Amino acid sequence: MALGVIFPLLAHLATIFTSIQTSLFIQKPIALYVIAATLNLISVRFLYRNEKEATANGVVLATFLAMIVLIVFMREMVFSYA
């Protein structure tokens, strides 16, 4: 599961400590987190192909939990564009 936390943690740190989010994705407040989830799901594909099911399941769980936490804590920004 620790492997699945790396990309969301990097996205969070990049959002807080850099201006990447504001300069590249002005109208998309969660774009870096979506990219992190996509990278996690790509890594899941390779983990399943290399028969590492337990690790892949941990990455899926970490990705799911990270997105739930993101929606709970950032729901004003996520749903304000709808």
N, C-alpha and C. Protein backbone atom coordinates (compact mmCIF):
# COMPACT_ATOMS: atom_id res chain seq x y z
N MET A 1 0.82 -1.19 0.00
CA MET A 1 0.00 0.00 0.00
C MET A 1 0.87 1.26 0.00
N ALA A 2 2.08 1.16 0.53
CA ALA A 2 2.96 2.33 0.57
C ALA A 2 3.32 2.79 -0.84
N LEU A 3 3.40 1.85 -1.77
CA LEU A 3 3.70 2.20 -3.15
C LEU A 3 2.60 3.06 -3.75
N GLY A 4 1.37 2.82 -3.37
CA GLY A 4 0.24 3.57 -3.90
C GLY A 4 0.11 4.97 -3.34
N VAL A 5 0.84 5.29 -2.30
CA VAL A 5 0.75 6.60 -1.67
C VAL A 5 1.75 7.58 -2.29
N ILE A 6 2.74 7.07 -3.00
CA ILE A 6 3.82 7.91 -3.51
C ILE A 6 3.31 9.00 -4.47
N PHE A 7 2.58 8.61 -5.51
CA PHE A 7 2.13 9.59 -6.50
C PHE A 7 1.13 10.60 -5.92
N PRO A 8 0.13 10.17 -5.13
CA PRO A 8 -0.75 11.19 -4.52
C PRO A 8 -0.01 12.13 -3.57
N LEU A 9 0.97 11.60 -2.84
CA LEU A 9 1.76 12.45 -1.94
C LEU A 9 2.59 13.46 -2.74
N LEU A 10 3.18 13.01 -3.83
CA LEU A 10 3.92 13.94 -4.69
C LEU A 10 3.00 15.00 -5.29
N ALA A 11 1.80 14.61 -5.67
CA ALA A 11 0.84 15.58 -6.20
C ALA A 11 0.45 16.60 -5.14
N HIS A 12 0.26 16.15 -3.92
CA HIS A 12 -0.10 17.05 -2.83
C HIS A 12 1.05 18.03 -2.54
N LEU A 13 2.26 17.51 -2.49
CA LEU A 13 3.41 18.37 -2.23
C LEU A 13 3.62 19.36 -3.37
N ALA A 14 3.42 18.92 -4.60
CA ALA A 14 3.56 19.83 -5.75
C ALA A 14 2.47 20.90 -5.74
N THR A 15 1.29 20.55 -5.28
CA THR A 15 0.21 21.53 -5.20
C THR A 15 0.49 22.58 -4.13
N ILE A 16 1.02 22.14 -3.01
CA ILE A 16 1.23 23.07 -1.89
C ILE A 16 2.49 23.91 -2.06
N PHE A 17 3.60 23.30 -2.47
CA PHE A 17 4.89 23.98 -2.43
C PHE A 17 5.37 24.53 -3.77
N THR A 18 4.64 24.29 -4.85
CA THR A 18 5.05 24.85 -6.14
C THR A 18 3.88 25.59 -6.78
N SER A 19 4.15 26.24 -7.87
CA SER A 19 3.08 26.95 -8.59
C SER A 19 2.64 26.19 -9.84
N ILE A 20 2.96 24.91 -9.91
CA ILE A 20 2.58 24.10 -11.08
C ILE A 20 1.06 24.08 -11.25
N GLN A 21 0.36 23.87 -10.16
CA GLN A 21 -1.10 23.78 -10.22
C GLN A 21 -1.72 25.07 -10.75
N THR A 22 -1.25 26.19 -10.24
CA THR A 22 -1.85 27.47 -10.64
C THR A 22 -1.40 27.93 -12.02
N SER A 23 -0.22 27.51 -12.46
CA SER A 23 0.24 27.98 -13.77
C SER A 23 -0.21 27.08 -14.92
N LEU A 24 -0.30 25.78 -14.71
CA LEU A 24 -0.67 24.88 -15.79
C LEU A 24 -2.15 24.53 -15.84
N PHE A 25 -2.76 24.40 -14.67
CA PHE A 25 -4.14 23.93 -14.59
C PHE A 25 -4.99 24.95 -13.83
N ILE A 26 -5.22 26.07 -14.44
CA ILE A 26 -5.90 27.17 -13.75
C ILE A 26 -7.34 26.81 -13.39
N GLN A 27 -8.10 26.26 -14.32
CA GLN A 27 -9.51 25.96 -14.08
C GLN A 27 -9.74 24.53 -13.57
N LYS A 28 -8.68 23.80 -13.30
CA LYS A 28 -8.82 22.41 -12.86
C LYS A 28 -8.07 22.22 -11.55
N PRO A 29 -8.73 22.42 -10.43
CA PRO A 29 -8.04 22.43 -9.13
C PRO A 29 -7.53 21.06 -8.68
N ILE A 30 -8.02 19.98 -9.27
CA ILE A 30 -7.55 18.66 -8.83
C ILE A 30 -6.81 17.91 -9.93
N ALA A 31 -6.32 18.61 -10.92
CA ALA A 31 -5.68 17.96 -12.07
C ALA A 31 -4.47 17.14 -11.68
N LEU A 32 -3.63 17.65 -10.79
CA LEU A 32 -2.44 16.89 -10.38
C LEU A 32 -2.83 15.60 -9.66
N TYR A 33 -3.92 15.64 -8.91
CA TYR A 33 -4.36 14.43 -8.20
C TYR A 33 -4.92 13.39 -9.18
N VAL A 34 -5.58 13.87 -10.22
CA VAL A 34 -6.08 12.95 -11.25
C VAL A 34 -4.91 12.32 -12.00
N ILE A 35 -3.89 13.10 -12.27
CA ILE A 35 -2.69 12.56 -12.92
C ILE A 35 -2.03 11.52 -12.01
N ALA A 36 -1.97 11.80 -10.71
CA ALA A 36 -1.40 10.84 -9.77
C ALA A 36 -2.20 9.54 -9.73
N ALA A 37 -3.51 9.64 -9.74
CA ALA A 37 -4.35 8.44 -9.76
C ALA A 37 -4.16 7.66 -11.05
N THR A 38 -4.00 8.37 -12.16
CA THR A 38 -3.75 7.70 -13.45
C THR A 38 -2.42 6.96 -13.43
N LEU A 39 -1.39 7.59 -12.88
CA LEU A 39 -0.10 6.92 -12.77
C LEU A 39 -0.18 5.69 -11.87
N ASN A 40 -0.95 5.80 -10.80
CA ASN A 40 -1.14 4.63 -9.93
C ASN A 40 -1.85 3.50 -10.68
N LEU A 41 -2.84 3.82 -11.45
CA LEU A 41 -3.57 2.77 -12.17
C LEU A 41 -2.73 2.16 -13.28
N ILE A 42 -1.84 2.93 -13.88
CA ILE A 42 -0.90 2.37 -14.85
C ILE A 42 0.06 1.42 -14.14
N SER A 43 0.53 1.81 -12.96
CA SER A 43 1.42 0.91 -12.21
C SER A 43 0.69 -0.36 -11.78
N VAL A 44 -0.61 -0.26 -11.52
CA VAL A 44 -1.39 -1.46 -11.17
C VAL A 44 -1.40 -2.44 -12.33
N ARG A 45 -1.53 -1.93 -13.52
CA ARG A 45 -1.53 -2.81 -14.69
C ARG A 45 -0.23 -3.61 -14.79
N PHE A 46 0.89 -2.92 -14.59
CA PHE A 46 2.17 -3.61 -14.66
C PHE A 46 2.38 -4.56 -13.48
N LEU A 47 1.87 -4.20 -12.32
CA LEU A 47 1.98 -5.11 -11.18
C LEU A 47 1.17 -6.38 -11.39
N TYR A 48 -0.03 -6.25 -11.93
CA TYR A 48 -0.84 -7.44 -12.22
C TYR A 48 -0.19 -8.31 -13.30
N ARG A 49 0.39 -7.69 -14.28
CA ARG A 49 1.04 -8.46 -15.35
C ARG A 49 2.26 -9.20 -14.84
N ASN A 50 2.93 -8.68 -13.82
CA ASN A 50 4.10 -9.33 -13.23
C ASN A 50 3.72 -10.20 -12.03
N GLU A 51 2.44 -10.51 -11.91
CA GLU A 51 1.91 -11.43 -10.88
C GLU A 51 2.21 -10.97 -9.46
N LYS A 52 2.06 -9.69 -9.22
CA LYS A 52 2.20 -9.13 -7.87
C LYS A 52 0.83 -8.60 -7.44
N GLU A 53 -0.11 -9.53 -7.26
CA GLU A 53 -1.49 -9.16 -6.98
C GLU A 53 -1.65 -8.42 -5.66
N ALA A 54 -0.94 -8.84 -4.62
CA ALA A 54 -1.09 -8.19 -3.31
C ALA A 54 -0.64 -6.72 -3.38
N THR A 55 0.46 -6.48 -4.05
CA THR A 55 0.93 -5.10 -4.19
C THR A 55 -0.03 -4.28 -5.03
N ALA A 56 -0.52 -4.87 -6.11
CA ALA A 56 -1.48 -4.17 -6.98
C ALA A 56 -2.76 -3.85 -6.22
N ASN A 57 -3.23 -4.78 -5.41
CA ASN A 57 -4.43 -4.51 -4.61
C ASN A 57 -4.19 -3.38 -3.61
N GLY A 58 -3.00 -3.32 -3.04
CA GLY A 58 -2.65 -2.23 -2.13
C GLY A 58 -2.62 -0.89 -2.83
N VAL A 59 -2.10 -0.88 -4.05
CA VAL A 59 -2.06 0.37 -4.82
C VAL A 59 -3.48 0.83 -5.16
N VAL A 60 -4.34 -0.10 -5.54
CA VAL A 60 -5.74 0.24 -5.84
C VAL A 60 -6.42 0.79 -4.58
N LEU A 61 -6.19 0.15 -3.44
CA LEU A 61 -6.79 0.62 -2.19
C LEU A 61 -6.28 2.02 -1.84
N ALA A 62 -4.98 2.24 -1.96
CA ALA A 62 -4.41 3.55 -1.64
C ALA A 62 -4.95 4.63 -2.59
N THR A 63 -5.09 4.29 -3.86
CA THR A 63 -5.63 5.25 -4.83
C THR A 63 -7.08 5.59 -4.49
N PHE A 64 -7.87 4.58 -4.19
CA PHE A 64 -9.27 4.80 -3.83
C PHE A 64 -9.38 5.67 -2.58
N LEU A 65 -8.61 5.36 -1.56
CA LEU A 65 -8.67 6.14 -0.32
C LEU A 65 -8.18 7.57 -0.53
N ALA A 66 -7.15 7.74 -1.35
CA ALA A 66 -6.64 9.10 -1.62
C ALA A 66 -7.70 9.93 -2.33
N MET A 67 -8.42 9.34 -3.27
CA MET A 67 -9.45 10.10 -3.98
C MET A 67 -10.65 10.41 -3.07
N ILE A 68 -10.99 9.49 -2.19
CA ILE A 68 -12.07 9.77 -1.22
C ILE A 68 -11.67 10.92 -0.31
N VAL A 69 -10.45 10.88 0.22
CA VAL A 69 -9.97 11.96 1.08
C VAL A 69 -9.93 13.28 0.32
N LEU A 70 -9.51 13.24 -0.93
CA LEU A 70 -9.47 14.44 -1.75
C LEU A 70 -10.86 15.04 -1.92
N ILE A 71 -11.83 14.22 -2.22
CA ILE A 71 -13.19 14.72 -2.42
C ILE A 71 -13.78 15.26 -1.13
N VAL A 72 -13.51 14.61 -0.01
CA VAL A 72 -14.04 15.07 1.27
C VAL A 72 -13.45 16.42 1.65
N PHE A 73 -12.14 16.57 1.50
CA PHE A 73 -11.49 17.80 1.95
C PHE A 73 -11.54 18.93 0.93
N MET A 74 -11.75 18.62 -0.32
CA MET A 74 -11.74 19.67 -1.33
C MET A 74 -13.06 19.73 -2.09
N ARG A 75 -14.14 19.34 -1.47
CA ARG A 75 -15.41 19.27 -2.19
C ARG A 75 -15.90 20.61 -2.69
N GLU A 76 -15.56 21.71 -2.00
CA GLU A 76 -15.98 23.01 -2.48
C GLU A 76 -15.32 23.33 -3.82
N MET A 77 -14.02 23.02 -3.93
CA MET A 77 -13.32 23.30 -5.18
C MET A 77 -13.71 22.31 -6.27
N VAL A 78 -13.96 21.07 -5.91
CA VAL A 78 -14.28 20.05 -6.90
C VAL A 78 -15.65 20.31 -7.51
N PHE A 79 -16.64 20.63 -6.69
CA PHE A 79 -18.01 20.75 -7.16
C PHE A 79 -18.41 22.18 -7.51
N SER A 80 -17.52 23.13 -7.37
CA SER A 80 -17.88 24.50 -7.70
C SER A 80 -17.88 24.75 -9.20
N TYR A 81 -17.25 23.89 -9.98
CA TYR A 81 -17.19 24.05 -11.43
C TYR A 81 -18.29 23.31 -12.14
N ALA A 82 -19.11 22.58 -11.41
CA ALA A 82 -20.17 21.79 -12.05
C ALA A 82 -21.33 22.66 -12.47
